[in-house]
């Protein structure tokens, strides 16, 4: 996965965070953090 920097400023810093499917808060500015919280697709 390749990250890309967005130059758009946000109105509130809280807009840079979201909840992953397990309910943990993820900082969208940190690609390592985002990748860690992405759900894995397992081969059946």
PDB file of N, CA and C in Angstrom:
ATOM      1  N   UNK A   1       0.853  -1.166   0.000  1.00  0.00           N
ATOM      2  CA  UNK A   1       0.000   0.000   0.000  1.00  0.00           C
ATOM      3  C   UNK A   1       0.898   1.227   0.000  1.00  0.00           C
ATOM      4  N   UNK A   2       0.624   2.137  -0.870  1.00  0.00           N
ATOM      5  CA  UNK A   2       1.400   3.364  -0.959  1.00  0.00           C
ATOM      6  C   UNK A   2       0.580   4.525  -0.428  1.00  0.00           C
ATOM      7  N   UNK A   3       1.172   5.271   0.475  1.00  0.00           N
ATOM      8  CA  UNK A   3       0.489   6.427   1.031  1.00  0.00           C
ATOM      9  C   UNK A   3       0.744   7.658   0.186  1.00  0.00           C
ATOM     10  N   UNK A   4      -0.115   8.632   0.342  1.00  0.00           N
ATOM     11  CA  UNK A   4       0.024   9.875  -0.403  1.00  0.00           C
ATOM     12  C   UNK A   4      -0.327  11.021   0.531  1.00  0.00           C
ATOM     13  N   UNK A   5       0.511  12.050   0.524  1.00  0.00           N
ATOM     14  CA  UNK A   5       0.296  13.194   1.399  1.00  0.00           C
ATOM     15  C   UNK A   5      -0.776  14.104   0.801  1.00  0.00           C
ATOM     16  N   UNK A   6      -1.713  14.487   1.637  1.00  0.00           N
ATOM     17  CA  UNK A   6      -2.758  15.424   1.239  1.00  0.00           C
ATOM     18  C   UNK A   6      -2.451  16.760   1.893  1.00  0.00           C
ATOM     19  N   UNK A   7      -2.532  17.816   1.143  1.00  0.00           N
ATOM     20  CA  UNK A   7      -2.197  19.120   1.690  1.00  0.00           C
ATOM     21  C   UNK A   7      -3.407  19.845   2.270  1.00  0.00           C
ATOM     22  N   UNK A   8      -4.551  19.219   2.205  1.00  0.00           N
ATOM     23  CA  UNK A   8      -5.773  19.853   2.704  1.00  0.00           C
ATOM     24  C   UNK A   8      -5.734  19.980   4.225  1.00  0.00           C
ATOM     25  N   UNK A   9      -5.982  21.168   4.719  1.00  0.00           N
ATOM     26  CA  UNK A   9      -6.042  21.404   6.155  1.00  0.00           C
ATOM     27  C   UNK A   9      -7.429  21.007   6.660  1.00  0.00           C
ATOM     28  N   UNK A  10      -7.486  20.471   7.865  1.00  0.00           N
ATOM     29  CA  UNK A  10      -8.768  20.106   8.458  1.00  0.00           C
ATOM     30  C   UNK A  10      -9.187  21.177   9.446  1.00  0.00           C
ATOM     31  N   UNK A  11     -10.468  21.308   9.638  1.00  0.00           N
ATOM     32  CA  UNK A  11     -10.977  22.333  10.548  1.00  0.00           C
ATOM     33  C   UNK A  11     -10.682  21.970  12.000  1.00  0.00           C
ATOM     34  N   UNK A  12     -10.859  20.691  12.347  1.00  0.00           N
ATOM     35  CA  UNK A  12     -10.614  20.207  13.705  1.00  0.00           C
ATOM     36  C   UNK A  12      -9.640  19.041  13.641  1.00  0.00           C
ATOM     37  N   UNK A  13      -8.677  19.018  14.528  1.00  0.00           N
ATOM     38  CA  UNK A  13      -7.699  17.936  14.542  1.00  0.00           C
ATOM     39  C   UNK A  13      -8.372  16.589  14.777  1.00  0.00           C
ATOM     40  N   UNK A  14      -9.512  16.574  15.436  1.00  0.00           N
ATOM     41  CA  UNK A  14     -10.221  15.319  15.694  1.00  0.00           C
ATOM     42  C   UNK A  14     -10.701  14.663  14.397  1.00  0.00           C
ATOM     43  N   UNK A  15     -10.765  15.430  13.300  1.00  0.00           N
ATOM     44  CA  UNK A  15     -11.162  14.864  12.014  1.00  0.00           C
ATOM     45  C   UNK A  15     -10.093  13.934  11.449  1.00  0.00           C
ATOM     46  N   UNK A  16      -8.904  13.930  12.037  1.00  0.00           N
ATOM     47  CA  UNK A  16      -7.805  13.096  11.557  1.00  0.00           C
ATOM     48  C   UNK A  16      -7.809  11.710  12.197  1.00  0.00           C
ATOM     49  N   UNK A  17      -8.768  11.435  13.069  1.00  0.00           N
ATOM     50  CA  UNK A  17      -8.843  10.165  13.768  1.00  0.00           C
ATOM     51  C   UNK A  17     -10.139   9.457  13.406  1.00  0.00           C
ATOM     52  N   UNK A  18     -10.093   8.123  13.405  1.00  0.00           N
ATOM     53  CA  UNK A  18     -11.299   7.336  13.172  1.00  0.00           C
ATOM     54  C   UNK A  18     -11.213   6.056  13.981  1.00  0.00           C
ATOM     55  N   UNK A  19     -12.338   5.362  14.110  1.00  0.00           N
ATOM     56  CA  UNK A  19     -12.374   4.099  14.835  1.00  0.00           C
ATOM     57  C   UNK A  19     -12.215   2.939  13.860  1.00  0.00           C
ATOM     58  N   UNK A  20     -11.309   2.005  14.186  1.00  0.00           N
ATOM     59  CA  UNK A  20     -11.165   0.811  13.367  1.00  0.00           C
ATOM     60  C   UNK A  20     -12.310  -0.144  13.729  1.00  0.00           C
ATOM     61  N   UNK A  21     -12.491  -1.232  12.967  1.00  0.00           N
ATOM     62  CA  UNK A  21     -13.604  -2.153  13.244  1.00  0.00           C
ATOM     63  C   UNK A  21     -13.591  -2.746  14.655  1.00  0.00           C
ATOM     64  N   UNK A  22     -12.425  -2.781  15.317  1.00  0.00           N
ATOM     65  CA  UNK A  22     -12.366  -3.311  16.680  1.00  0.00           C
ATOM     66  C   UNK A  22     -12.634  -2.245  17.728  1.00  0.00           C
ATOM     67  N   UNK A  23     -12.845  -0.980  17.288  1.00  0.00           N
ATOM     68  CA  UNK A  23     -13.168   0.092  18.208  1.00  0.00           C
ATOM     69  C   UNK A  23     -11.978   0.890  18.697  1.00  0.00           C
ATOM     70  N   UNK A  24     -10.787   0.646  18.146  1.00  0.00           N
ATOM     71  CA  UNK A  24      -9.614   1.407  18.555  1.00  0.00           C
ATOM     72  C   UNK A  24      -9.494   2.673  17.712  1.00  0.00           C
ATOM     73  N   UNK A  25      -8.970   3.717  18.318  1.00  0.00           N
ATOM     74  CA  UNK A  25      -8.792   4.991  17.624  1.00  0.00           C
ATOM     75  C   UNK A  25      -7.531   4.923  16.764  1.00  0.00           C
ATOM     76  N   UNK A  26      -7.647   5.361  15.500  1.00  0.00           N
ATOM     77  CA  UNK A  26      -6.538   5.334  14.558  1.00  0.00           C
ATOM     78  C   UNK A  26      -6.230   6.759  14.111  1.00  0.00           C
ATOM     79  N   UNK A  27      -4.941   7.102  14.128  1.00  0.00           N
ATOM     80  CA  UNK A  27      -4.479   8.408  13.642  1.00  0.00           C
ATOM     81  C   UNK A  27      -4.244   8.277  12.144  1.00  0.00           C
ATOM     82  N   UNK A  28      -5.083   8.909  11.330  1.00  0.00           N
ATOM     83  CA  UNK A  28      -5.012   8.770   9.873  1.00  0.00           C
ATOM     84  C   UNK A  28      -3.771   9.427   9.281  1.00  0.00           C
ATOM     85  N   UNK A  29      -3.023  10.213  10.061  1.00  0.00           N
ATOM     86  CA  UNK A  29      -1.800  10.849   9.563  1.00  0.00           C
ATOM     87  C   UNK A  29      -0.620   9.886   9.567  1.00  0.00           C
ATOM     88  N   UNK A  30      -0.731   8.770  10.278  1.00  0.00           N
ATOM     89  CA  UNK A  30       0.370   7.824  10.425  1.00  0.00           C
ATOM     90  C   UNK A  30       0.043   6.556   9.639  1.00  0.00           C
ATOM     91  N   UNK A  31       0.683   6.387   8.474  1.00  0.00           N
ATOM     92  CA  UNK A  31       0.381   5.252   7.609  1.00  0.00           C
ATOM     93  C   UNK A  31       0.650   3.916   8.302  1.00  0.00           C
ATOM     94  N   UNK A  32       1.675   3.867   9.151  1.00  0.00           N
ATOM     95  CA  UNK A  32       1.943   2.619   9.895  1.00  0.00           C
ATOM     96  C   UNK A  32       0.771   2.276  10.798  1.00  0.00           C
ATOM     97  N   UNK A  33       0.201   3.271  11.434  1.00  0.00           N
ATOM     98  CA  UNK A  33      -0.946   3.063  12.320  1.00  0.00           C
ATOM     99  C   UNK A  33      -2.167   2.606  11.521  1.00  0.00           C
ATOM    100  N   UNK A  34      -2.389   3.232  10.365  1.00  0.00           N
ATOM    101  CA  UNK A  34      -3.515   2.864   9.507  1.00  0.00           C
ATOM    102  C   UNK A  34      -3.365   1.425   9.036  1.00  0.00           C
ATOM    103  N   UNK A  35      -2.169   1.057   8.554  1.00  0.00           N
ATOM    104  CA  UNK A  35      -1.941  -0.309   8.063  1.00  0.00           C
ATOM    105  C   UNK A  35      -2.124  -1.341   9.162  1.00  0.00           C
ATOM    106  N   UNK A  36      -1.703  -1.025  10.377  1.00  0.00           N
ATOM    107  CA  UNK A  36      -1.823  -1.953  11.501  1.00  0.00           C
ATOM    108  C   UNK A  36      -3.295  -2.268  11.793  1.00  0.00           C
ATOM    109  N   UNK A  37      -4.174  -1.320  11.572  1.00  0.00           N
ATOM    110  CA  UNK A  37      -5.586  -1.485  11.910  1.00  0.00           C
ATOM    111  C   UNK A  37      -6.457  -1.901  10.720  1.00  0.00           C
ATOM    112  N   UNK A  38      -5.858  -2.115   9.561  1.00  0.00           N
ATOM    113  CA  UNK A  38      -6.630  -2.599   8.416  1.00  0.00           C
ATOM    114  C   UNK A  38      -6.959  -4.073   8.643  1.00  0.00           C
ATOM    115  N   UNK A  39      -8.173  -4.496   8.353  1.00  0.00           N
ATOM    116  CA  UNK A  39      -8.516  -5.908   8.522  1.00  0.00           C
ATOM    117  C   UNK A  39      -7.739  -6.773   7.515  1.00  0.00           C
ATOM    118  N   UNK A  40      -7.248  -7.891   7.976  1.00  0.00           N
ATOM    119  CA  UNK A  40      -6.508  -8.813   7.111  1.00  0.00           C
ATOM    120  C   UNK A  40      -7.467  -9.713   6.363  1.00  0.00           C
ATOM    121  N   UNK A  41      -7.150  -9.967   5.110  1.00  0.00           N
ATOM    122  CA  UNK A  41      -7.937 -10.915   4.326  1.00  0.00           C
ATOM    123  C   UNK A  41      -7.183 -12.236   4.346  1.00  0.00           C
ATOM    124  N   UNK A  42      -7.759 -13.226   5.002  1.00  0.00           N
ATOM    125  CA  UNK A  42      -7.117 -14.522   5.133  1.00  0.00           C
ATOM    126  C   UNK A  42      -7.603 -15.469   4.038  1.00  0.00           C
ATOM    127  N   UNK A  43      -6.677 -16.259   3.512  1.00  0.00           N
ATOM    128  CA  UNK A  43      -7.056 -17.275   2.517  1.00  0.00           C
ATOM    129  C   UNK A  43      -7.785 -18.405   3.224  1.00  0.00           C
ATOM    130  N   UNK A  44      -8.866 -18.840   2.654  1.00  0.00           N
ATOM    131  CA  UNK A  44      -9.649 -19.916   3.273  1.00  0.00           C
ATOM    132  C   UNK A  44      -9.132 -21.268   2.876  1.00  0.00           C
TER     133      UNK A  44
END
